[in-house]
Amino acid sequence: MNPRGDGYTRPANAWRYAVLGGVLPTSVVVDGRRYVHVETLKHDFFAATGLYRGPEGLAVLKLGRSTDFLGLPMGWLGEILESHEWALYARASGISGVPALIRRVGRNGLLRTYIPGHPLGRREAVSDTFCDELLAILRRLHERHIAYVDLNKRENILVGDDGKPHLIDFQIAVWLPPVGWRGWWPFRFLLARLQEADYYHWLKHKRRLRPDLLTEEERQRLSRLSIWVRLHRAIARPLTYLRRHMLQRLGRSGGAVPGSSAK
């Protein structure tokens, strides 16, 4: 099966990829406007992200998983994840540094504005104001009862062509407003701890990128590793290692999907 119709060969172990055949569609039509595939930015088990060109310029399409896994339908998972991410982007609407939504695409996709720039590099030279601008984004999110949760991943922080930070990928972000069941004490406590972890990971980025700008208070806070951060490491690191090891072994038996490792 060739989902693109352009000579692309279906890769081995295509079940590893979120979109059928391991490749993003050549184009999508949203509100009568056609968006044409330019480049695949990222494609893994849970989602595929691509750069598309529409009538008004570039946009980013993200599609949640639709490929079956071990004979089991997984479209429901992609729908849940992208519906959640759409809702979180909507909650963050209007915050400078967060891309704006354009439209839902089918049941498991979203189209958002494109931010000209690149993922934050490990040792990238950033401006004197970059870290404070990133913290300002976090504070605006926190004011709206959102915990970003995934700030430890550098590729979720874009450095715009203007040198300013932008946050993308709200797939595992959490929104817990103080109303209804979300206002109960355990959820208020959970939100506070997750937001605390956001701040901790921001401090780690600042220490790596601009250690010269760290205050003494920030240095002391970094030295006191939160129990919640320790717990996250204890759980997440072994799972991350296991996943990478599994995919590396599977990758030896089949061809790679172009763009699947792009960030």
Protein backbone atom coordinates (compact mmCIF):
# COMPACT_ATOMS: atom_id res chain seq x y z
CA MET A 1 0.00 0.00 0.00
CA ASN A 2 1.30 3.45 -0.89
CA PRO A 3 -0.61 6.10 1.06
CA ARG A 4 1.14 8.95 -0.75
CA GLY A 5 0.98 7.74 -4.33
CA ASP A 6 4.45 9.19 -5.07
CA GLY A 7 6.66 6.10 -5.15
CA TYR A 8 7.02 5.87 -1.40
CA THR A 9 7.52 2.29 -0.16
CA ARG A 10 5.75 1.17 2.99
CA PRO A 11 8.45 0.61 5.65
CA ALA A 12 8.91 -2.56 7.66
CA ASN A 13 7.50 -2.34 11.18
CA ALA A 14 5.12 0.40 10.06
CA TRP A 15 3.08 -0.25 13.22
CA ARG A 16 5.71 1.77 15.08
CA TYR A 17 4.42 4.96 13.48
CA ALA A 18 1.29 6.89 14.30
CA VAL A 19 0.03 7.36 10.73
CA LEU A 20 -0.88 4.50 8.41
CA GLY A 21 2.06 3.47 6.24
CA GLY A 22 4.48 5.54 8.29
CA VAL A 23 4.00 8.66 6.19
CA LEU A 24 2.03 11.89 6.47
CA PRO A 25 -0.61 12.73 3.83
CA THR A 26 0.53 14.76 0.83
CA SER A 27 -2.18 17.33 1.55
CA VAL A 28 -5.19 18.06 3.72
CA VAL A 29 -8.19 20.30 3.09
CA VAL A 30 -9.38 22.48 5.98
CA ASP A 31 -12.36 24.81 5.52
CA GLY A 32 -11.96 24.52 1.76
CA ARG A 33 -8.27 25.48 1.89
CA ARG A 34 -5.62 22.99 0.80
CA TYR A 35 -2.45 22.53 2.84
CA VAL A 36 0.38 20.70 1.06
CA HIS A 37 3.04 18.64 2.84
CA VAL A 38 6.49 20.26 2.91
CA GLU A 39 8.45 18.32 5.51
CA THR A 40 7.96 15.72 8.23
CA LEU A 41 9.18 17.17 11.51
CA LYS A 42 8.59 14.23 13.83
CA HIS A 43 6.91 10.82 13.60
CA ASP A 44 6.76 8.36 16.49
CA PHE A 45 4.37 5.85 18.05
CA PHE A 46 1.89 8.41 19.39
CA ALA A 47 1.81 11.21 16.82
CA ALA A 48 3.14 12.58 13.55
CA THR A 49 3.97 16.24 13.02
CA GLY A 50 4.55 17.87 9.66
CA LEU A 51 5.11 21.25 8.07
CA TYR A 52 2.45 22.19 5.51
CA ARG A 53 2.00 25.11 3.14
CA GLY A 54 -1.44 26.67 2.79
CA PRO A 55 -2.93 29.71 1.07
CA GLU A 56 -1.79 31.94 3.93
CA GLY A 57 1.67 30.45 4.37
CA LEU A 58 3.16 27.68 6.51
CA ALA A 59 1.32 25.79 9.23
CA VAL A 60 2.00 22.73 11.39
CA LEU A 61 -0.22 19.64 11.26
CA LYS A 62 -0.15 17.14 14.12
CA LEU A 63 -1.97 13.83 13.76
CA GLY A 64 -2.56 11.47 16.67
CA ARG A 65 -2.14 7.74 16.26
CA SER A 66 -4.50 6.01 13.82
CA THR A 67 -2.44 2.86 13.07
CA ASP A 68 -3.56 -0.42 14.65
CA PHE A 69 -1.24 -2.08 17.15
CA LEU A 70 -1.07 -5.89 17.37
CA GLY A 71 -4.40 -6.04 15.55
CA LEU A 72 -6.06 -3.69 18.02
CA PRO A 73 -7.56 -0.38 16.83
CA MET A 74 -5.71 2.62 18.27
CA GLY A 75 -7.54 5.50 16.65
CA TRP A 76 -9.34 6.15 19.94
CA LEU A 77 -5.97 6.87 21.60
CA GLY A 78 -4.97 9.37 18.92
CA GLU A 79 -8.36 11.06 19.22
CA ILE A 80 -8.10 11.38 23.00
CA LEU A 81 -4.54 12.73 22.93
CA GLU A 82 -5.15 15.31 20.22
CA SER A 83 -8.49 16.39 21.69
CA HIS A 84 -6.67 16.96 24.96
CA GLU A 85 -3.86 18.88 23.27
CA TRP A 86 -6.34 21.01 21.32
CA ALA A 87 -8.12 21.88 24.57
CA LEU A 88 -4.85 22.86 26.28
CA TYR A 89 -3.75 25.02 23.35
CA ALA A 90 -7.17 26.67 23.52
CA ARG A 91 -6.75 27.30 27.27
CA ALA A 92 -3.41 28.97 26.51
CA SER A 93 -4.83 31.05 23.66
CA GLY A 94 -3.48 34.58 23.50
CA ILE A 95 -0.33 33.91 25.54
CA SER A 96 2.67 35.34 23.73
CA GLY A 97 5.04 32.48 22.96
CA VAL A 98 2.33 29.83 22.43
CA PRO A 99 1.31 29.06 18.82
CA ALA A 100 -2.28 29.85 17.86
CA LEU A 101 -4.69 27.15 16.75
CA ILE A 102 -6.10 27.15 13.24
CA ARG A 103 -8.50 24.21 13.07
CA ARG A 104 -9.17 20.63 14.11
CA VAL A 105 -8.38 18.14 11.35
CA GLY A 106 -10.62 15.10 11.40
CA ARG A 107 -11.02 13.32 14.74
CA ASN A 108 -7.34 12.99 15.64
CA GLY A 109 -5.52 16.03 14.27
CA LEU A 110 -4.92 19.72 14.80
CA LEU A 111 -3.51 22.48 12.65
CA ARG A 112 -1.65 25.35 14.32
CA THR A 113 0.37 28.36 13.27
CA TYR A 114 3.99 27.88 12.29
CA ILE A 115 6.70 29.59 14.34
CA PRO A 116 9.80 30.38 12.22
CA GLY A 117 12.75 29.16 14.24
CA HIS A 118 14.42 26.01 15.52
CA PRO A 119 14.44 23.75 18.61
CA LEU A 120 16.57 24.97 21.49
CA GLY A 121 20.11 23.61 21.30
CA ARG A 122 21.87 22.14 24.30
CA ARG A 123 24.56 24.82 24.40
CA GLU A 124 22.83 27.49 22.38
CA ALA A 125 23.80 31.11 22.85
CA VAL A 126 20.65 32.95 23.90
CA SER A 127 19.97 36.59 24.72
CA ASP A 128 20.10 38.12 28.19
CA THR A 129 16.29 38.18 28.24
CA PHE A 130 15.57 34.69 26.81
CA CYS A 131 15.27 32.85 30.13
CA ASP A 132 13.10 35.55 31.68
CA GLU A 133 10.84 35.50 28.60
CA LEU A 134 10.49 31.72 28.90
CA LEU A 135 9.63 32.08 32.58
CA ALA A 136 7.00 34.68 31.67
CA ILE A 137 5.30 32.11 29.40
CA LEU A 138 5.27 29.58 32.24
CA ARG A 139 3.82 32.12 34.67
CA ARG A 140 1.03 33.00 32.25
CA LEU A 141 0.23 29.29 31.90
CA HIS A 142 0.30 28.81 35.66
CA GLU A 143 -2.06 31.77 36.12
CA ARG A 144 -4.53 29.86 33.95
CA HIS A 145 -4.18 26.76 36.17
CA ILE A 146 -2.06 24.91 33.60
CA ALA A 147 1.07 22.87 34.32
CA TYR A 148 3.16 22.39 31.20
CA VAL A 149 4.82 19.19 32.58
CA ASP A 150 7.16 18.53 29.60
CA LEU A 151 9.66 21.40 29.92
CA ASN A 152 12.57 19.02 30.47
CA LYS A 153 12.52 18.29 26.71
CA ARG A 154 14.57 20.93 24.90
CA GLU A 155 12.85 20.21 21.57
CA ASN A 156 9.59 21.55 23.04
CA ILE A 157 11.20 24.98 23.34
CA LEU A 158 11.55 26.79 20.04
CA VAL A 159 13.93 29.67 19.50
CA GLY A 160 12.14 31.98 17.10
CA ASP A 161 13.94 33.80 14.32
CA ASP A 162 13.44 36.83 16.56
CA GLY A 163 15.45 35.10 19.31
CA LYS A 164 12.43 34.76 21.60
CA PRO A 165 11.25 31.46 23.21
CA HIS A 166 8.08 29.64 22.20
CA LEU A 167 6.47 26.54 23.74
CA ILE A 168 4.94 23.76 21.63
CA ASP A 169 3.51 20.29 22.29
CA PHE A 170 0.85 20.42 25.00
CA GLN A 171 0.01 16.71 24.73
CA ILE A 172 0.70 15.91 28.38
CA ALA A 173 0.05 19.36 29.88
CA VAL A 174 -2.48 19.47 32.73
CA TRP A 175 -5.32 21.93 33.37
CA LEU A 176 -6.82 21.86 36.86
CA PRO A 177 -8.92 24.96 37.57
CA PRO A 178 -10.26 25.47 41.12
CA VAL A 179 -13.83 24.52 40.24
CA GLY A 180 -15.88 21.35 40.65
CA TRP A 181 -13.95 18.17 41.38
CA ARG A 182 -10.77 19.79 40.09
CA GLY A 183 -10.96 22.18 43.02
CA TRP A 184 -10.60 19.40 45.59
CA TRP A 185 -7.47 19.51 47.73
CA PRO A 186 -5.64 16.53 46.12
CA PHE A 187 -5.89 18.15 42.67
CA ARG A 188 -4.79 21.56 43.96
CA PHE A 189 -1.81 19.84 45.57
CA LEU A 190 -1.02 17.94 42.37
CA LEU A 191 -1.18 21.08 40.23
CA ALA A 192 1.12 22.94 42.60
CA ARG A 193 3.70 20.15 42.50
CA LEU A 194 3.57 19.92 38.70
CA GLN A 195 3.99 23.68 38.38
CA GLU A 196 6.89 23.48 40.82
CA ALA A 197 8.49 20.91 38.52
CA ASP A 198 7.97 23.31 35.58
CA TYR A 199 9.94 25.94 37.47
CA TYR A 200 12.67 23.46 38.39
CA HIS A 201 13.17 22.45 34.76
CA TRP A 202 13.21 26.11 33.75
CA LEU A 203 16.02 26.63 36.27
CA LYS A 204 17.95 23.71 34.76
CA HIS A 205 17.71 25.27 31.31
CA LYS A 206 18.85 28.61 32.71
CA ARG A 207 21.80 26.98 34.49
CA ARG A 208 22.90 25.31 31.26
CA LEU A 209 22.29 28.25 28.92
CA ARG A 210 23.04 31.32 31.06
CA PRO A 211 24.68 30.31 34.35
CA ASP A 212 26.02 33.86 34.61
CA LEU A 213 22.47 35.11 35.18
CA LEU A 214 21.54 32.71 38.00
CA THR A 215 20.77 34.39 41.31
CA GLU A 216 21.99 32.95 44.58
CA GLU A 217 18.43 31.99 45.49
CA GLU A 218 18.07 30.11 42.19
CA ARG A 219 21.36 28.26 42.76
CA GLN A 220 20.19 27.15 46.20
CA ARG A 221 16.86 25.99 44.85
CA LEU A 222 18.58 23.90 42.19
CA SER A 223 20.67 22.22 44.87
CA ARG A 224 17.52 21.11 46.71
CA LEU A 225 16.21 18.45 44.37
CA SER A 226 12.46 18.04 44.86
CA ILE A 227 11.16 14.59 45.80
CA TRP A 228 8.72 14.90 42.92
CA VAL A 229 11.56 15.42 40.46
CA ARG A 230 13.42 12.44 41.94
CA LEU A 231 10.29 10.30 41.59
CA HIS A 232 9.86 11.41 37.97
CA ARG A 233 13.45 10.42 37.19
CA ALA A 234 13.13 7.06 38.94
CA ILE A 235 10.08 6.15 36.84
CA ALA A 236 10.70 7.91 33.55
CA ARG A 237 14.36 7.12 32.91
CA PRO A 238 14.05 3.29 32.92
CA LEU A 239 10.95 3.51 30.70
CA THR A 240 12.70 5.87 28.28
CA TYR A 241 15.73 3.54 28.10
CA LEU A 242 13.51 0.50 27.51
CA ARG A 243 11.56 2.26 24.74
CA ARG A 244 14.71 3.44 22.95
CA HIS A 245 16.32 0.01 23.23
CA MET A 246 13.22 -1.68 21.81
CA LEU A 247 12.91 0.73 18.88
CA GLN A 248 16.64 0.44 18.11
CA ARG A 249 16.37 -3.34 17.93
CA LEU A 250 13.27 -3.17 15.75
CA GLY A 251 14.94 -0.59 13.54
CA ARG A 252 17.67 -3.06 12.59
CA SER A 253 15.10 -5.24 10.86
CA GLY A 254 13.42 -2.59 8.76
CA GLY A 255 13.86 0.70 6.94
CA ALA A 256 13.48 3.99 8.71
CA VAL A 257 10.74 6.42 7.93
CA PRO A 258 12.12 9.69 6.57
CA GLY A 259 11.72 12.43 9.13
CA SER A 260 10.85 10.02 11.95
CA SER A 261 13.73 11.23 14.08
CA ALA A 262 13.51 14.89 13.16
CA LYS A 263 12.81 17.45 15.85
